[in-house]
Amino acid sequence: MNYAYEIRRQAEAAPRAALPVVASALWKAFGEGHLSEAEAEALSGLIEARQGVFITETPSSPPGLTGAPRSRVGSRPRTDASMERRRRWAASGRLPPGLAARFTL
């Protein structure tokens, strides 16, 4: 049985909704050693072309926006009470309190 021919025939005849099943059969046959790497790559390309999967460049920023990205709003509070609370929470862990105080802002 010529697996490459059968999978190619199925990939060309199958509706788009059934192509994932064909791709699964392709990789199963490849895993069992019935297809060479070159055949599997060619058939995979055929299936992807039929599915309409194209790798496109993603835009770096949404259209209409330019310049540097905005900084995040709502940073952690810097009041004395919040800093003491953070130090107390850090000191309740495995570090000694003096050492933990150095690692919290």
N, C-alpha and C. Protein backbone atom coordinates (compact mmCIF):
# COMPACT_ATOMS: atom_id res chain seq x y z
N MET A 1 0.85 -1.18 0.00
CA MET A 1 0.00 0.00 0.00
C MET A 1 0.89 1.24 0.00
N ASN A 2 0.61 2.16 -0.87
CA ASN A 2 1.38 3.40 -0.97
C ASN A 2 0.69 4.47 -0.11
N TYR A 3 1.22 4.68 1.09
CA TYR A 3 0.60 5.61 2.03
C TYR A 3 0.62 7.04 1.51
N ALA A 4 1.70 7.45 0.89
CA ALA A 4 1.80 8.83 0.40
C ALA A 4 0.71 9.10 -0.63
N TYR A 5 0.48 8.15 -1.54
CA TYR A 5 -0.55 8.33 -2.57
C TYR A 5 -1.93 8.42 -1.93
N GLU A 6 -2.22 7.53 -0.98
CA GLU A 6 -3.54 7.51 -0.35
C GLU A 6 -3.80 8.79 0.45
N ILE A 7 -2.81 9.24 1.18
CA ILE A 7 -3.01 10.46 1.98
C ILE A 7 -3.14 11.67 1.07
N ARG A 8 -2.37 11.71 -0.01
CA ARG A 8 -2.52 12.82 -0.98
C ARG A 8 -3.92 12.81 -1.57
N ARG A 9 -4.42 11.63 -1.93
CA ARG A 9 -5.75 11.52 -2.52
C ARG A 9 -6.80 11.99 -1.52
N GLN A 10 -6.66 11.59 -0.25
CA GLN A 10 -7.61 12.01 0.78
C GLN A 10 -7.53 13.52 1.02
N ALA A 11 -6.32 14.06 1.03
CA ALA A 11 -6.15 15.50 1.28
C ALA A 11 -6.76 16.33 0.16
N GLU A 12 -6.69 15.83 -1.06
CA GLU A 12 -7.25 16.57 -2.19
C GLU A 12 -8.76 16.43 -2.27
N ALA A 13 -9.31 15.30 -1.81
CA ALA A 13 -10.74 15.05 -1.94
C ALA A 13 -11.55 15.44 -0.70
N ALA A 14 -10.92 15.52 0.43
CA ALA A 14 -11.64 15.76 1.68
C ALA A 14 -12.12 17.20 1.77
N PRO A 15 -13.29 17.41 2.39
CA PRO A 15 -13.72 18.79 2.65
C PRO A 15 -12.81 19.42 3.71
N ARG A 16 -12.83 20.74 3.78
CA ARG A 16 -11.93 21.44 4.71
C ARG A 16 -12.13 21.01 6.15
N ALA A 17 -13.36 20.68 6.52
CA ALA A 17 -13.64 20.29 7.90
C ALA A 17 -13.00 18.95 8.25
N ALA A 18 -12.73 18.10 7.25
CA ALA A 18 -12.16 16.78 7.50
C ALA A 18 -10.64 16.78 7.40
N LEU A 19 -10.03 17.89 7.06
CA LEU A 19 -8.58 17.92 6.88
C LEU A 19 -7.80 17.63 8.16
N PRO A 20 -8.26 18.02 9.35
CA PRO A 20 -7.52 17.63 10.56
C PRO A 20 -7.41 16.11 10.73
N VAL A 21 -8.44 15.38 10.31
CA VAL A 21 -8.39 13.92 10.39
C VAL A 21 -7.34 13.38 9.43
N VAL A 22 -7.26 13.98 8.25
CA VAL A 22 -6.26 13.56 7.26
C VAL A 22 -4.86 13.87 7.78
N ALA A 23 -4.70 15.03 8.40
CA ALA A 23 -3.39 15.40 8.97
C ALA A 23 -3.00 14.43 10.08
N SER A 24 -3.98 14.03 10.88
CA SER A 24 -3.70 13.06 11.94
C SER A 24 -3.24 11.74 11.35
N ALA A 25 -3.90 11.29 10.29
CA ALA A 25 -3.50 10.04 9.63
C ALA A 25 -2.10 10.17 9.03
N LEU A 26 -1.81 11.35 8.49
CA LEU A 26 -0.49 11.61 7.91
C LEU A 26 0.60 11.42 8.96
N TRP A 27 0.44 12.08 10.11
CA TRP A 27 1.49 12.02 11.13
C TRP A 27 1.54 10.66 11.82
N LYS A 28 0.41 9.96 11.86
CA LYS A 28 0.42 8.60 12.40
C LYS A 28 1.23 7.69 11.48
N ALA A 29 1.01 7.81 10.16
CA ALA A 29 1.76 7.00 9.20
C ALA A 29 3.24 7.36 9.23
N PHE A 30 3.55 8.64 9.41
CA PHE A 30 4.95 9.05 9.51
C PHE A 30 5.60 8.46 10.76
N GLY A 31 4.86 8.50 11.87
CA GLY A 31 5.38 7.95 13.12
C GLY A 31 5.62 6.46 13.06
N GLU A 32 4.82 5.76 12.27
CA GLU A 32 4.99 4.31 12.12
C GLU A 32 6.04 3.96 11.08
N GLY A 33 6.59 4.97 10.40
CA GLY A 33 7.66 4.73 9.44
C GLY A 33 7.19 4.41 8.04
N HIS A 34 5.91 4.64 7.74
CA HIS A 34 5.39 4.36 6.40
C HIS A 34 5.69 5.49 5.42
N LEU A 35 6.02 6.67 5.92
CA LEU A 35 6.32 7.82 5.07
C LEU A 35 7.70 8.36 5.41
N SER A 36 8.39 8.85 4.39
CA SER A 36 9.67 9.51 4.64
C SER A 36 9.40 10.94 5.12
N GLU A 37 10.43 11.57 5.62
CA GLU A 37 10.28 12.95 6.11
C GLU A 37 9.91 13.90 4.97
N ALA A 38 10.50 13.69 3.80
CA ALA A 38 10.20 14.55 2.65
C ALA A 38 8.75 14.39 2.22
N GLU A 39 8.25 13.14 2.20
CA GLU A 39 6.85 12.92 1.83
C GLU A 39 5.91 13.55 2.85
N ALA A 40 6.23 13.38 4.12
CA ALA A 40 5.38 13.96 5.17
C ALA A 40 5.36 15.48 5.08
N GLU A 41 6.50 16.07 4.80
CA GLU A 41 6.56 17.53 4.69
C GLU A 41 5.74 18.02 3.50
N ALA A 42 5.86 17.33 2.37
CA ALA A 42 5.11 17.73 1.17
C ALA A 42 3.61 17.59 1.40
N LEU A 43 3.20 16.49 2.02
CA LEU A 43 1.77 16.28 2.27
C LEU A 43 1.25 17.26 3.31
N SER A 44 2.05 17.57 4.30
CA SER A 44 1.65 18.55 5.30
C SER A 44 1.45 19.92 4.66
N GLY A 45 2.34 20.28 3.75
CA GLY A 45 2.20 21.54 3.03
C GLY A 45 0.93 21.58 2.21
N LEU A 46 0.58 20.46 1.59
CA LEU A 46 -0.65 20.38 0.81
C LEU A 46 -1.87 20.57 1.71
N ILE A 47 -1.86 19.90 2.86
CA ILE A 47 -2.99 20.01 3.79
C ILE A 47 -3.11 21.43 4.32
N GLU A 48 -1.99 22.03 4.69
CA GLU A 48 -2.02 23.41 5.20
C GLU A 48 -2.50 24.39 4.13
N ALA A 49 -2.11 24.15 2.89
CA ALA A 49 -2.57 25.03 1.81
C ALA A 49 -4.08 24.90 1.61
N ARG A 50 -4.59 23.69 1.74
CA ARG A 50 -6.03 23.47 1.61
C ARG A 50 -6.78 24.09 2.78
N GLN A 51 -6.18 24.09 3.96
CA GLN A 51 -6.84 24.66 5.14
C GLN A 51 -6.82 26.18 5.11
N GLY A 52 -5.94 26.75 4.33
CA GLY A 52 -5.84 28.20 4.30
C GLY A 52 -5.01 28.74 5.44
N VAL A 53 -4.09 27.94 5.95
CA VAL A 53 -3.23 28.38 7.05
C VAL A 53 -2.01 29.05 6.44
N PHE A 54 -1.88 30.32 6.70
CA PHE A 54 -0.73 31.07 6.21
C PHE A 54 -0.11 31.79 7.39
N ILE A 55 1.20 31.77 7.46
CA ILE A 55 1.90 32.50 8.51
C ILE A 55 2.04 33.94 8.04
N THR A 56 1.45 34.84 8.78
CA THR A 56 1.51 36.25 8.41
C THR A 56 2.26 37.00 9.49
N GLU A 57 2.74 38.15 9.10
CA GLU A 57 3.45 39.00 10.03
C GLU A 57 2.43 39.70 10.91
N THR A 58 2.63 39.65 12.21
CA THR A 58 1.72 40.35 13.11
C THR A 58 2.19 41.79 13.24
N PRO A 59 1.26 42.72 13.18
CA PRO A 59 1.67 44.12 13.32
C PRO A 59 2.21 44.38 14.72
N SER A 60 3.22 45.24 14.80
CA SER A 60 3.84 45.52 16.09
C SER A 60 2.93 46.35 16.98
N SER A 61 2.09 47.18 16.39
CA SER A 61 1.14 47.96 17.18
C SER A 61 -0.16 48.07 16.39
N PRO A 62 -1.27 48.25 17.08
CA PRO A 62 -2.53 48.40 16.38
C PRO A 62 -2.50 49.60 15.46
N PRO A 63 -3.25 49.56 14.36
CA PRO A 63 -3.25 50.69 13.43
C PRO A 63 -3.73 51.96 14.12
N GLY A 64 -3.09 53.04 13.80
CA GLY A 64 -3.46 54.33 14.35
C GLY A 64 -2.70 54.71 15.60
N LEU A 65 -2.00 53.77 16.20
CA LEU A 65 -1.24 54.08 17.41
C LEU A 65 0.23 54.17 17.06
N THR A 66 0.86 55.22 17.50
CA THR A 66 2.29 55.39 17.25
C THR A 66 2.96 55.82 18.53
N GLY A 67 4.26 55.79 18.55
CA GLY A 67 5.01 56.26 19.71
C GLY A 67 5.29 55.14 20.69
N ALA A 68 5.83 55.53 21.83
CA ALA A 68 6.20 54.57 22.86
C ALA A 68 4.96 54.02 23.54
N PRO A 69 5.01 52.77 23.98
CA PRO A 69 3.85 52.22 24.69
C PRO A 69 3.64 52.93 26.02
N ARG A 70 2.39 52.99 26.43
CA ARG A 70 2.07 53.67 27.68
C ARG A 70 2.58 52.87 28.86
N SER A 71 2.95 53.58 29.90
CA SER A 71 3.36 52.89 31.12
C SER A 71 2.11 52.37 31.81
N ARG A 72 2.29 51.35 32.61
CA ARG A 72 1.14 50.76 33.30
C ARG A 72 0.64 51.69 34.39
N VAL A 73 -0.64 51.74 34.51
CA VAL A 73 -1.27 52.57 35.52
C VAL A 73 -1.63 51.67 36.70
N GLY A 74 -1.55 52.20 37.90
CA GLY A 74 -1.95 51.43 39.07
C GLY A 74 -0.83 50.63 39.67
N SER A 75 0.34 51.23 39.78
CA SER A 75 1.46 50.52 40.39
C SER A 75 1.17 50.30 41.87
N ARG A 76 1.95 49.46 42.49
CA ARG A 76 1.73 49.15 43.90
C ARG A 76 1.90 50.41 44.75
N PRO A 77 1.15 50.51 45.82
CA PRO A 77 1.23 51.71 46.65
C PRO A 77 2.58 51.81 47.35
N ARG A 78 3.01 53.03 47.57
CA ARG A 78 4.32 53.26 48.18
C ARG A 78 4.21 53.96 49.53
N THR A 79 3.08 53.79 50.19
CA THR A 79 2.95 54.43 51.50
C THR A 79 3.78 53.68 52.52
N ASP A 80 4.07 54.34 53.63
CA ASP A 80 4.86 53.70 54.69
C ASP A 80 4.16 52.46 55.22
N ALA A 81 2.84 52.55 55.37
CA ALA A 81 2.09 51.40 55.90
C ALA A 81 2.15 50.21 54.94
N SER A 82 2.03 50.48 53.64
CA SER A 82 2.07 49.37 52.69
C SER A 82 3.46 48.76 52.61
N MET A 83 4.50 49.58 52.73
CA MET A 83 5.86 49.05 52.70
C MET A 83 6.13 48.19 53.94
N GLU A 84 5.64 48.65 55.09
CA GLU A 84 5.81 47.87 56.32
C GLU A 84 5.06 46.54 56.22
N ARG A 85 3.87 46.59 55.65
CA ARG A 85 3.08 45.37 55.48
C ARG A 85 3.79 44.39 54.55
N ARG A 86 4.36 44.90 53.46
CA ARG A 86 5.09 44.03 52.54
C ARG A 86 6.31 43.43 53.21
N ARG A 87 7.00 44.22 54.01
CA ARG A 87 8.18 43.69 54.72
C ARG A 87 7.78 42.64 55.75
N ARG A 88 6.65 42.87 56.41
CA ARG A 88 6.17 41.91 57.40
C ARG A 88 5.78 40.59 56.72
N TRP A 89 5.12 40.68 55.55
CA TRP A 89 4.75 39.47 54.81
C TRP A 89 6.00 38.73 54.34
N ALA A 90 7.00 39.47 53.88
CA ALA A 90 8.24 38.83 53.43
C ALA A 90 8.97 38.20 54.60
N ALA A 91 8.92 38.86 55.77
CA ALA A 91 9.62 38.33 56.94
C ALA A 91 8.94 37.09 57.50
N SER A 92 7.67 36.88 57.16
CA SER A 92 6.99 35.70 57.68
C SER A 92 7.37 34.44 56.91
N GLY A 93 8.17 34.59 55.88
CA GLY A 93 8.60 33.45 55.08
C GLY A 93 9.85 32.80 55.63
N ARG A 94 10.66 32.22 54.78
CA ARG A 94 11.83 31.46 55.20
C ARG A 94 13.07 32.31 55.40
N LEU A 95 13.07 33.55 54.91
CA LEU A 95 14.24 34.41 55.08
C LEU A 95 14.23 35.03 56.47
N PRO A 96 15.40 35.27 57.04
CA PRO A 96 15.45 36.02 58.30
C PRO A 96 14.90 37.42 58.08
N PRO A 97 14.24 38.01 59.08
CA PRO A 97 13.58 39.31 58.89
C PRO A 97 14.50 40.41 58.37
N GLY A 98 15.73 40.47 58.84
CA GLY A 98 16.65 41.52 58.37
C GLY A 98 16.98 41.37 56.90
N LEU A 99 17.17 40.14 56.46
CA LEU A 99 17.48 39.88 55.05
C LEU A 99 16.26 40.12 54.17
N ALA A 100 15.08 39.73 54.64
CA ALA A 100 13.86 39.94 53.88
C ALA A 100 13.58 41.42 53.68
N ALA A 101 13.91 42.25 54.68
CA ALA A 101 13.67 43.69 54.57
C ALA A 101 14.50 44.31 53.47
N ARG A 102 15.65 43.74 53.15
CA ARG A 102 16.49 44.27 52.08
C ARG A 102 15.92 43.98 50.70
N PHE A 103 15.12 42.92 50.58
CA PHE A 103 14.62 42.52 49.27
C PHE A 103 13.25 43.08 48.95
N THR A 104 12.64 43.81 49.84
CA THR A 104 11.37 44.45 49.55
C THR A 104 11.59 45.94 49.45
N LEU A 105 10.99 46.53 48.47
CA LEU A 105 11.17 47.96 48.23
C LEU A 105 10.48 48.81 49.25
